[in-house]
Amino acid sequence: MAGALDGMPDDVSRAWRLIDGRYWQITEGAGEEPSATDAREGTRGACPEGMVEVRGRMKTDEATSIEALQNATCSAWINRQFPERCLRFDRDAWLRLSERLPTRAMRFCIDRFEYPDRRGEYPIIEVTWHESVALCAAQGKRLCTEVEWTFACEGEEATPYPNGYVRDADACVIDRRPRAVNERALSPRDTHAALVELDHLWQGEPSGSRAACRSAFGVYDMTGNIDEWTTSVHPGERPSILKGGYWGPVRTRCRPSTRAHGEDYAFYQEGLRCCRDLE
């Protein structure tokens, strides 16, 4: 899949590789075999190797905005202006508010980690929505819908964060101070200037580095680390939806979606995760 550079330049601090002449991945560290991860985690279910079976009933937005309802139960705000960040939600208040919300049955497979879906490997970045669709298809999978991604993150209780109700920078890779971005250096993607800029900007970690950044279904790194492409479920709008939030001080919750970017957009903190129907 990947073509390596002929040695790393002296002005970058990490070992990177350029994949298919388009997107990037840090090559440091060896990933764990998916079969070993499956055996330890016990969440594969009826899914292919390296994936997690997600099954249950998802609270839906048919009656009201779940994100807005959750905001009403925030008991400690970091900031209330966009991008809103809540330190702590009141679980009891949320369960009371959400107990009568309509639900829908969900059952599908999702990658346990960010693509390439191996614990200990860094996620690929600078990938477009179109490229993400193709990468999943090459594995006999598909890009997750935004609804699937959300449910895999929040579970049947619809928790604001994959790890519960408290925003915790020790649990997930979040709330790191952003660095100034030279967007001109990032395009074209396959240049030395782009590599140097990516190396300067990168603040993520290998997939699965934080044991606590795990959803109720056993899916890792769904908030923080990188943004992940998904597919819209709303007719008439662009299909390219980002979920999860990256390592910076952004919403990094299960429900919010970023709908501002087109299918050919690529940036330094964007990657993907794949899904698959259960047969």
C-alpha atoms as a PDB file:
ATOM      1  CA  MET A   1       0.000   0.000   0.000  1.00  0.00           C
ATOM      2  CA  ALA A   2       2.750   2.423   0.919  1.00  0.00           C
ATOM      3  CA  GLY A   3       5.856   3.850  -0.677  1.00  0.00           C
ATOM      4  CA  ALA A   4       8.613   4.965   1.676  1.00  0.00           C
ATOM      5  CA  LEU A   5      10.697   8.109   1.317  1.00  0.00           C
ATOM      6  CA  ASP A   6      14.418   7.670   0.663  1.00  0.00           C
ATOM      7  CA  GLY A   7      15.486   8.650   4.160  1.00  0.00           C
ATOM      8  CA  MET A   8      14.091  11.348   6.422  1.00  0.00           C
ATOM      9  CA  PRO A   9      15.182  14.967   5.991  1.00  0.00           C
ATOM     10  CA  ASP A  10      17.171  16.476   8.833  1.00  0.00           C
ATOM     11  CA  ASP A  11      14.487  19.100   9.499  1.00  0.00           C
ATOM     12  CA  VAL A  12      11.801  16.660  10.702  1.00  0.00           C
ATOM     13  CA  SER A  13      11.733  14.988  14.109  1.00  0.00           C
ATOM     14  CA  ARG A  14       9.857  11.769  13.247  1.00  0.00           C
ATOM     15  CA  ALA A  15       9.981   9.026  10.638  1.00  0.00           C
ATOM     16  CA  TRP A  16       7.166   9.500   8.106  1.00  0.00           C
ATOM     17  CA  ARG A  17       6.055   7.714   4.966  1.00  0.00           C
ATOM     18  CA  LEU A  18       4.089   9.035   2.023  1.00  0.00           C
ATOM     19  CA  ILE A  19       1.326   6.617   1.006  1.00  0.00           C
ATOM     20  CA  ASP A  20       0.233   6.425  -2.634  1.00  0.00           C
ATOM     21  CA  GLY A  21       1.863   9.811  -3.154  1.00  0.00           C
ATOM     22  CA  ARG A  22      -0.970  11.502  -1.287  1.00  0.00           C
ATOM     23  CA  TYR A  23      -1.335  10.927   2.464  1.00  0.00           C
ATOM     24  CA  TRP A  24       1.040  10.490   5.371  1.00  0.00           C
ATOM     25  CA  GLN A  25       1.738   8.216   8.324  1.00  0.00           C
ATOM     26  CA  ILE A  26       4.371   8.184  11.062  1.00  0.00           C
ATOM     27  CA  THR A  27       6.196   4.856  10.845  1.00  0.00           C
ATOM     28  CA  GLU A  28       7.633   4.652  14.369  1.00  0.00           C
ATOM     29  CA  GLY A  29       6.645   1.632  16.466  1.00  0.00           C
ATOM     30  CA  ALA A  30       5.350  -1.792  15.526  1.00  0.00           C
ATOM     31  CA  GLY A  31       1.628  -2.447  15.550  1.00  0.00           C
ATOM     32  CA  GLU A  32       0.026  -5.390  17.338  1.00  0.00           C
ATOM     33  CA  GLU A  33      -1.394  -8.231  15.285  1.00  0.00           C
ATOM     34  CA  PRO A  34      -5.192  -7.774  15.088  1.00  0.00           C
ATOM     35  CA  SER A  35      -5.753 -11.422  16.065  1.00  0.00           C
ATOM     36  CA  ALA A  36      -3.919 -10.816  19.349  1.00  0.00           C
ATOM     37  CA  THR A  37      -5.960  -7.682  20.019  1.00  0.00           C
ATOM     38  CA  ASP A  38      -9.199  -9.528  19.208  1.00  0.00           C
ATOM     39  CA  ALA A  39      -8.364 -12.307  21.658  1.00  0.00           C
ATOM     40  CA  ARG A  40      -7.589  -9.902  24.482  1.00  0.00           C
ATOM     41  CA  GLU A  41     -10.507  -7.509  23.902  1.00  0.00           C
ATOM     42  CA  GLY A  42     -13.245 -10.076  23.304  1.00  0.00           C
ATOM     43  CA  THR A  43     -15.415  -7.599  21.359  1.00  0.00           C
ATOM     44  CA  ARG A  44     -15.101  -8.945  17.818  1.00  0.00           C
ATOM     45  CA  GLY A  45     -18.395 -10.825  17.897  1.00  0.00           C
ATOM     46  CA  ALA A  46     -19.472 -11.897  14.406  1.00  0.00           C
ATOM     47  CA  CYS A  47     -17.244  -9.320  12.685  1.00  0.00           C
ATOM     48  CA  PRO A  48     -14.058  -9.765  10.631  1.00  0.00           C
ATOM     49  CA  GLU A  49     -10.652  -9.634  12.299  1.00  0.00           C
ATOM     50  CA  GLY A  50      -9.798  -6.280  13.828  1.00  0.00           C
ATOM     51  CA  MET A  51     -13.399  -5.081  13.997  1.00  0.00           C
ATOM     52  CA  VAL A  52     -15.929  -4.706  16.821  1.00  0.00           C
ATOM     53  CA  GLU A  53     -19.564  -5.800  16.701  1.00  0.00           C
ATOM     54  CA  VAL A  54     -21.866  -2.933  17.644  1.00  0.00           C
ATOM     55  CA  ARG A  55     -25.393  -3.941  18.547  1.00  0.00           C
ATOM     56  CA  GLY A  56     -28.163  -2.166  20.467  1.00  0.00           C
ATOM     57  CA  ARG A  57     -30.714   0.631  20.379  1.00  0.00           C
ATOM     58  CA  MET A  58     -29.594   4.169  19.609  1.00  0.00           C
ATOM     59  CA  LYS A  59     -31.319   7.268  20.974  1.00  0.00           C
ATOM     60  CA  THR A  60     -32.399   9.337  17.972  1.00  0.00           C
ATOM     61  CA  ASP A  61     -32.833  13.032  17.162  1.00  0.00           C
ATOM     62  CA  GLU A  62     -36.365  12.589  15.812  1.00  0.00           C
ATOM     63  CA  ALA A  63     -37.979  14.607  18.589  1.00  0.00           C
ATOM     64  CA  THR A  64     -35.254  17.061  19.578  1.00  0.00           C
ATOM     65  CA  SER A  65     -31.516  17.708  19.279  1.00  0.00           C
ATOM     66  CA  ILE A  66     -29.675  15.288  21.552  1.00  0.00           C
ATOM     67  CA  GLU A  67     -26.611  17.522  21.483  1.00  0.00           C
ATOM     68  CA  ALA A  68     -28.723  20.438  22.761  1.00  0.00           C
ATOM     69  CA  LEU A  69     -30.306  18.260  25.441  1.00  0.00           C
ATOM     70  CA  GLN A  70     -26.880  17.163  26.605  1.00  0.00           C
ATOM     71  CA  ASN A  71     -25.758  20.796  26.810  1.00  0.00           C
ATOM     72  CA  ALA A  72     -28.600  21.433  29.225  1.00  0.00           C
ATOM     73  CA  THR A  73     -27.084  18.861  31.608  1.00  0.00           C
ATOM     74  CA  CYS A  74     -23.549  20.294  31.629  1.00  0.00           C
ATOM     75  CA  SER A  75     -22.689  21.068  35.249  1.00  0.00           C
ATOM     76  CA  ALA A  76     -19.240  22.591  34.620  1.00  0.00           C
ATOM     77  CA  TRP A  77     -18.452  24.489  31.421  1.00  0.00           C
ATOM     78  CA  ILE A  78     -14.934  25.156  30.171  1.00  0.00           C
ATOM     79  CA  ASN A  79     -16.390  27.504  27.565  1.00  0.00           C
ATOM     80  CA  ARG A  80     -19.973  27.896  26.337  1.00  0.00           C
ATOM     81  CA  GLN A  81     -19.132  29.529  22.999  1.00  0.00           C
ATOM     82  CA  PHE A  82     -18.341  27.482  19.881  1.00  0.00           C
ATOM     83  CA  PRO A  83     -16.551  25.146  20.015  1.00  0.00           C
ATOM     84  CA  GLU A  84     -18.360  24.381  23.265  1.00  0.00           C
ATOM     85  CA  ARG A  85     -16.403  22.379  25.813  1.00  0.00           C
ATOM     86  CA  CYS A  86     -18.033  20.891  28.890  1.00  0.00           C
ATOM     87  CA  LEU A  87     -15.876  19.528  31.686  1.00  0.00           C
ATOM     88  CA  ARG A  88     -18.621  17.485  33.319  1.00  0.00           C
ATOM     89  CA  PHE A  89     -22.175  16.405  32.521  1.00  0.00           C
ATOM     90  CA  ASP A  90     -24.745  15.400  35.135  1.00  0.00           C
ATOM     91  CA  ARG A  91     -25.458  11.737  34.409  1.00  0.00           C
ATOM     92  CA  ASP A  92     -28.628  11.549  36.503  1.00  0.00           C
ATOM     93  CA  ALA A  93     -30.056  14.646  34.802  1.00  0.00           C
ATOM     94  CA  TRP A  94     -29.202  13.219  31.374  1.00  0.00           C
ATOM     95  CA  LEU A  95     -30.832   9.870  32.090  1.00  0.00           C
ATOM     96  CA  ARG A  96     -34.016  11.632  33.208  1.00  0.00           C
ATOM     97  CA  LEU A  97     -34.092  13.852  30.109  1.00  0.00           C
ATOM     98  CA  SER A  98     -33.345  11.048  27.668  1.00  0.00           C
ATOM     99  CA  GLU A  99     -35.345   8.136  29.043  1.00  0.00           C
ATOM    100  CA  ARG A 100     -38.322   8.701  26.717  1.00  0.00           C
ATOM    101  CA  LEU A 101     -36.402   9.532  23.552  1.00  0.00           C
ATOM    102  CA  PRO A 102     -37.192   7.340  20.540  1.00  0.00           C
ATOM    103  CA  THR A 103     -34.637   4.682  19.667  1.00  0.00           C
ATOM    104  CA  ARG A 104     -33.673   2.641  16.625  1.00  0.00           C
ATOM    105  CA  ALA A 105     -32.068  -0.779  16.365  1.00  0.00           C
ATOM    106  CA  MET A 106     -28.431  -0.788  15.228  1.00  0.00           C
ATOM    107  CA  ARG A 107     -26.152  -3.681  14.279  1.00  0.00           C
ATOM    108  CA  PHE A 108     -22.894  -3.377  12.320  1.00  0.00           C
ATOM    109  CA  CYS A 109     -19.117  -3.842  12.470  1.00  0.00           C
ATOM    110  CA  ILE A 110     -16.616  -1.011  13.009  1.00  0.00           C
ATOM    111  CA  ASP A 111     -12.820  -0.866  13.103  1.00  0.00           C
ATOM    112  CA  ARG A 112     -11.533  -0.995  16.642  1.00  0.00           C
ATOM    113  CA  PHE A 113      -8.915   1.673  15.879  1.00  0.00           C
ATOM    114  CA  GLU A 114      -8.361   4.472  13.401  1.00  0.00           C
ATOM    115  CA  TYR A 115      -7.189   3.340   9.947  1.00  0.00           C
ATOM    116  CA  PRO A 116      -5.033   1.278   9.417  1.00  0.00           C
ATOM    117  CA  ASP A 117      -6.740  -0.292  12.462  1.00  0.00           C
ATOM    118  CA  ARG A 118      -3.780  -1.663  14.407  1.00  0.00           C
ATOM    119  CA  ARG A 119      -2.977  -0.944  18.043  1.00  0.00           C
ATOM    120  CA  GLY A 120       0.363   0.823  18.281  1.00  0.00           C
ATOM    121  CA  GLU A 121       0.394   2.197  14.723  1.00  0.00           C
ATOM    122  CA  TYR A 122      -0.119   5.853  13.967  1.00  0.00           C
ATOM    123  CA  PRO A 123      -3.259   6.761  11.976  1.00  0.00           C
ATOM    124  CA  ILE A 124      -2.871   8.044   8.435  1.00  0.00           C
ATOM    125  CA  ILE A 125      -3.620  11.729   7.887  1.00  0.00           C
ATOM    126  CA  GLU A 126      -4.086  14.230   5.043  1.00  0.00           C
ATOM    127  CA  VAL A 127      -6.645  11.931   3.417  1.00  0.00           C
ATOM    128  CA  THR A 128      -9.736  13.120   1.550  1.00  0.00           C
ATOM    129  CA  TRP A 129     -13.247  11.735   1.871  1.00  0.00           C
ATOM    130  CA  HIS A 130     -13.018  10.171  -1.607  1.00  0.00           C
ATOM    131  CA  GLU A 131      -9.734   8.491  -0.693  1.00  0.00           C
ATOM    132  CA  SER A 132     -11.204   7.263   2.587  1.00  0.00           C
ATOM    133  CA  VAL A 133     -14.084   5.619   0.723  1.00  0.00           C
ATOM    134  CA  ALA A 134     -11.587   3.875  -1.567  1.00  0.00           C
ATOM    135  CA  LEU A 135      -9.339   2.713   1.283  1.00  0.00           C
ATOM    136  CA  CYS A 136     -12.274   1.075   3.069  1.00  0.00           C
ATOM    137  CA  ALA A 137     -13.559  -0.512  -0.146  1.00  0.00           C
ATOM    138  CA  ALA A 138     -10.125  -2.031  -0.812  1.00  0.00           C
ATOM    139  CA  GLN A 139     -10.539  -3.972   2.452  1.00  0.00           C
ATOM    140  CA  GLY A 140     -14.060  -5.147   1.659  1.00  0.00           C
ATOM    141  CA  LYS A 141     -15.473  -2.535   4.033  1.00  0.00           C
ATOM    142  CA  ARG A 142     -17.110   0.874   3.664  1.00  0.00           C
ATOM    143  CA  LEU A 143     -16.843   4.250   5.294  1.00  0.00           C
ATOM    144  CA  CYS A 144     -19.014   4.464   8.412  1.00  0.00           C
ATOM    145  CA  THR A 145     -22.154   6.558   8.341  1.00  0.00           C
ATOM    146  CA  GLU A 146     -22.170   9.405  10.826  1.00  0.00           C
ATOM    147  CA  VAL A 147     -24.977   7.638  12.721  1.00  0.00           C
ATOM    148  CA  GLU A 148     -22.993   4.400  13.023  1.00  0.00           C
ATOM    149  CA  TRP A 149     -19.933   6.295  14.183  1.00  0.00           C
ATOM    150  CA  THR A 150     -21.965   8.191  16.792  1.00  0.00           C
ATOM    151  CA  PHE A 151     -23.567   5.047  18.207  1.00  0.00           C
ATOM    152  CA  ALA A 152     -20.234   3.217  18.406  1.00  0.00           C
ATOM    153  CA  CYS A 153     -18.949   6.198  20.398  1.00  0.00           C
ATOM    154  CA  GLU A 154     -21.836   6.914  22.777  1.00  0.00           C
ATOM    155  CA  GLY A 155     -23.549   3.538  23.267  1.00  0.00           C
ATOM    156  CA  GLU A 156     -27.145   2.937  24.279  1.00  0.00           C
ATOM    157  CA  GLU A 157     -26.916   5.466  27.123  1.00  0.00           C
ATOM    158  CA  ALA A 158     -25.816   8.168  24.655  1.00  0.00           C
ATOM    159  CA  THR A 159     -22.948   9.368  26.809  1.00  0.00           C
ATOM    160  CA  PRO A 160     -21.399  12.679  25.703  1.00  0.00           C
ATOM    161  CA  TYR A 161     -17.912  11.184  25.633  1.00  0.00           C
ATOM    162  CA  PRO A 162     -16.889   7.630  24.723  1.00  0.00           C
ATOM    163  CA  ASN A 163     -15.542   7.174  28.251  1.00  0.00           C
ATOM    164  CA  GLY A 164     -18.595   8.661  29.973  1.00  0.00           C
ATOM    165  CA  TYR A 165     -19.577  12.074  31.300  1.00  0.00           C
ATOM    166  CA  VAL A 166     -16.282  13.736  32.236  1.00  0.00           C
ATOM    167  CA  ARG A 167     -13.928  15.429  29.778  1.00  0.00           C
ATOM    168  CA  ASP A 168     -10.533  13.964  30.627  1.00  0.00           C
ATOM    169  CA  ALA A 169      -7.314  14.879  28.799  1.00  0.00           C
ATOM    170  CA  ASP A 170      -5.596  11.971  30.542  1.00  0.00           C
ATOM    171  CA  ALA A 171      -8.145   9.521  29.111  1.00  0.00           C
ATOM    172  CA  CYS A 172      -8.171  10.734  25.478  1.00  0.00           C
ATOM    173  CA  VAL A 173      -5.750  12.813  23.388  1.00  0.00           C
ATOM    174  CA  ILE A 174      -7.583  16.147  23.619  1.00  0.00           C
ATOM    175  CA  ASP A 175      -7.219  19.808  24.610  1.00  0.00           C
ATOM    176  CA  ARG A 176      -3.628  20.250  23.482  1.00  0.00           C
ATOM    177  CA  ARG A 177      -2.577  23.781  22.620  1.00  0.00           C
ATOM    178  CA  PRO A 178      -2.976  24.354  18.863  1.00  0.00           C
ATOM    179  CA  ARG A 179      -0.001  25.393  16.772  1.00  0.00           C
ATOM    180  CA  ALA A 180      -0.023  28.011  14.032  1.00  0.00           C
ATOM    181  CA  VAL A 181      -0.759  26.407  10.649  1.00  0.00           C
ATOM    182  CA  ASN A 182       0.884  27.365   7.363  1.00  0.00           C
ATOM    183  CA  GLU A 183      -1.833  26.072   5.035  1.00  0.00           C
ATOM    184  CA  ARG A 184       0.128  26.957   1.912  1.00  0.00           C
ATOM    185  CA  ALA A 185       2.882  24.552   2.944  1.00  0.00           C
ATOM    186  CA  LEU A 186       0.412  21.644   3.117  1.00  0.00           C
ATOM    187  CA  SER A 187      -0.507  21.795  -0.566  1.00  0.00           C
ATOM    188  CA  PRO A 188       0.561  19.931  -2.629  1.00  0.00           C
ATOM    189  CA  ARG A 189       0.587  17.098  -0.116  1.00  0.00           C
ATOM    190  CA  ASP A 190       3.588  15.201  -1.512  1.00  0.00           C
ATOM    191  CA  THR A 191       6.238  17.884  -0.987  1.00  0.00           C
ATOM    192  CA  HIS A 192       9.067  18.390   1.457  1.00  0.00           C
ATOM    193  CA  ALA A 193       7.347  21.569   2.682  1.00  0.00           C
ATOM    194  CA  ALA A 194       4.192  19.584   3.490  1.00  0.00           C
ATOM    195  CA  LEU A 195       6.207  16.988   5.414  1.00  0.00           C
ATOM    196  CA  VAL A 196       7.973  19.635   7.491  1.00  0.00           C
ATOM    197  CA  GLU A 197       4.667  21.348   8.281  1.00  0.00           C
ATOM    198  CA  LEU A 198       2.985  18.063   9.264  1.00  0.00           C
ATOM    199  CA  ASP A 199       5.892  17.209  11.529  1.00  0.00           C
ATOM    200  CA  HIS A 200       5.582  20.623  13.177  1.00  0.00           C
ATOM    201  CA  LEU A 201       1.811  20.339  13.668  1.00  0.00           C
ATOM    202  CA  TRP A 202       1.498  16.720  14.787  1.00  0.00           C
ATOM    203  CA  GLN A 203       0.469  16.168  18.431  1.00  0.00           C
ATOM    204  CA  GLY A 204      -1.335  12.825  18.139  1.00  0.00           C
ATOM    205  CA  GLU A 205      -0.398   9.377  19.416  1.00  0.00           C
ATOM    206  CA  PRO A 206      -0.422   5.792  18.128  1.00  0.00           C
ATOM    207  CA  SER A 207      -3.879   4.207  18.007  1.00  0.00           C
ATOM    208  CA  GLY A 208      -4.901   2.534  21.251  1.00  0.00           C
ATOM    209  CA  SER A 209      -2.311   4.358  23.376  1.00  0.00           C
ATOM    210  CA  ARG A 210      -4.930   5.441  25.925  1.00  0.00           C
ATOM    211  CA  ALA A 211      -6.676   2.460  27.510  1.00  0.00           C
ATOM    212  CA  ALA A 212      -9.377   4.723  28.982  1.00  0.00           C
ATOM    213  CA  CYS A 213     -10.321   6.249  25.612  1.00  0.00           C
ATOM    214  CA  ARG A 214     -12.623   3.329  24.907  1.00  0.00           C
ATOM    215  CA  SER A 215     -16.354   3.333  24.250  1.00  0.00           C
ATOM    216  CA  ALA A 216     -18.872   1.021  25.899  1.00  0.00           C
ATOM    217  CA  PHE A 217     -18.640  -1.238  22.837  1.00  0.00           C
ATOM    218  CA  GLY A 218     -14.843  -1.413  23.009  1.00  0.00           C
ATOM    219  CA  VAL A 219     -13.967   1.029  20.197  1.00  0.00           C
ATOM    220  CA  TYR A 220     -10.887   3.195  20.813  1.00  0.00           C
ATOM    221  CA  ASP A 221      -9.934   6.824  20.165  1.00  0.00           C
ATOM    222  CA  MET A 222     -13.316   7.950  18.927  1.00  0.00           C
ATOM    223  CA  THR A 223     -12.749  11.425  20.315  1.00  0.00           C
ATOM    224  CA  GLY A 224      -9.432  13.201  20.111  1.00  0.00           C
ATOM    225  CA  ASN A 225      -6.239  12.196  18.327  1.00  0.00           C
ATOM    226  CA  ILE A 226      -7.630  12.763  14.776  1.00  0.00           C
ATOM    227  CA  ASP A 227     -10.846  13.777  13.038  1.00  0.00           C
ATOM    228  CA  GLU A 228     -12.491  10.894  11.142  1.00  0.00           C
ATOM    229  CA  TRP A 229     -14.383  10.983   7.862  1.00  0.00           C
ATOM    230  CA  THR A 230     -17.885   9.512   7.790  1.00  0.00           C
ATOM    231  CA  THR A 231     -20.788   9.594   5.335  1.00  0.00           C
ATOM    232  CA  SER A 232     -23.832  11.804   5.818  1.00  0.00           C
ATOM    233  CA  VAL A 233     -27.274  10.267   6.269  1.00  0.00           C
ATOM    234  CA  HIS A 234     -29.111  13.482   5.368  1.00  0.00           C
ATOM    235  CA  PRO A 235     -30.476  13.597   1.785  1.00  0.00           C
ATOM    236  CA  GLY A 236     -29.418  16.546  -0.322  1.00  0.00           C
ATOM    237  CA  GLU A 237     -26.298  17.544   1.606  1.00  0.00           C
ATOM    238  CA  ARG A 238     -22.635  16.827   0.878  1.00  0.00           C
ATOM    239  CA  PRO A 239     -21.688  13.347   2.066  1.00  0.00           C
ATOM    240  CA  SER A 240     -18.372  14.304   3.675  1.00  0.00           C
ATOM    241  CA  ILE A 241     -18.840  14.575   7.449  1.00  0.00           C
ATOM    242  CA  LEU A 242     -16.088  14.681  10.072  1.00  0.00           C
ATOM    243  CA  LYS A 243     -16.574  13.161  13.507  1.00  0.00           C
ATOM    244  CA  GLY A 244     -14.703  12.963  16.780  1.00  0.00           C
ATOM    245  CA  GLY A 245     -12.522  16.039  16.872  1.00  0.00           C
ATOM    246  CA  TYR A 246      -8.741  15.981  16.970  1.00  0.00           C
ATOM    247  CA  TRP A 247      -6.124  16.629  19.705  1.00  0.00           C
ATOM    248  CA  GLY A 248      -6.882  20.359  19.941  1.00  0.00           C
ATOM    249  CA  PRO A 249      -9.325  22.264  22.207  1.00  0.00           C
ATOM    250  CA  VAL A 250     -12.489  21.492  20.204  1.00  0.00           C
ATOM    251  CA  ARG A 251     -15.810  19.817  21.058  1.00  0.00           C
ATOM    252  CA  THR A 252     -14.445  16.234  20.941  1.00  0.00           C
ATOM    253  CA  ARG A 253     -17.777  14.648  21.841  1.00  0.00           C
ATOM    254  CA  CYS A 254     -19.731  11.765  20.326  1.00  0.00           C
ATOM    255  CA  ARG A 255     -22.717  13.687  18.900  1.00  0.00           C
ATOM    256  CA  PRO A 256     -21.287  16.768  17.145  1.00  0.00           C
ATOM    257  CA  SER A 257     -20.469  16.601  13.439  1.00  0.00           C
ATOM    258  CA  THR A 258     -18.451  18.939  11.216  1.00  0.00           C
ATOM    259  CA  ARG A 259     -20.280  19.499   7.929  1.00  0.00           C
ATOM    260  CA  ALA A 260     -18.195  22.332   6.453  1.00  0.00           C
ATOM    261  CA  HIS A 261     -15.783  20.460   4.164  1.00  0.00           C
ATOM    262  CA  GLY A 262     -16.153  18.921   0.726  1.00  0.00           C
ATOM    263  CA  GLU A 263     -15.149  15.482  -0.501  1.00  0.00           C
ATOM    264  CA  ASP A 264     -11.726  16.606  -1.786  1.00  0.00           C
ATOM    265  CA  TYR A 265     -10.678  18.403   1.390  1.00  0.00           C
ATOM    266  CA  ALA A 266      -7.577  17.096   3.186  1.00  0.00           C
ATOM    267  CA  PHE A 267      -5.887  18.503   6.274  1.00  0.00           C
ATOM    268  CA  TYR A 268      -3.200  17.645   8.782  1.00  0.00           C
ATOM    269  CA  GLN A 269      -5.434  16.064  11.440  1.00  0.00           C
ATOM    270  CA  GLU A 270      -7.906  14.114   9.303  1.00  0.00           C
ATOM    271  CA  GLY A 271      -8.093  10.341   8.948  1.00  0.00           C
ATOM    272  CA  LEU A 272     -10.758   7.665   8.892  1.00  0.00           C
ATOM    273  CA  ARG A 273     -12.239   4.468  10.287  1.00  0.00           C
ATOM    274  CA  CYS A 274     -14.141   1.786   8.362  1.00  0.00           C
ATOM    275  CA  CYS A 275     -17.402  -0.064   8.969  1.00  0.00           C
ATOM    276  CA  ARG A 276     -19.066  -3.130   7.494  1.00  0.00           C
ATOM    277  CA  ASP A 277     -22.535  -4.665   7.449  1.00  0.00           C
ATOM    278  CA  LEU A 278     -23.045  -7.782   9.548  1.00  0.00           C
ATOM    279  CA  GLU A 279     -23.837 -10.691   7.271  1.00  0.00           C
END
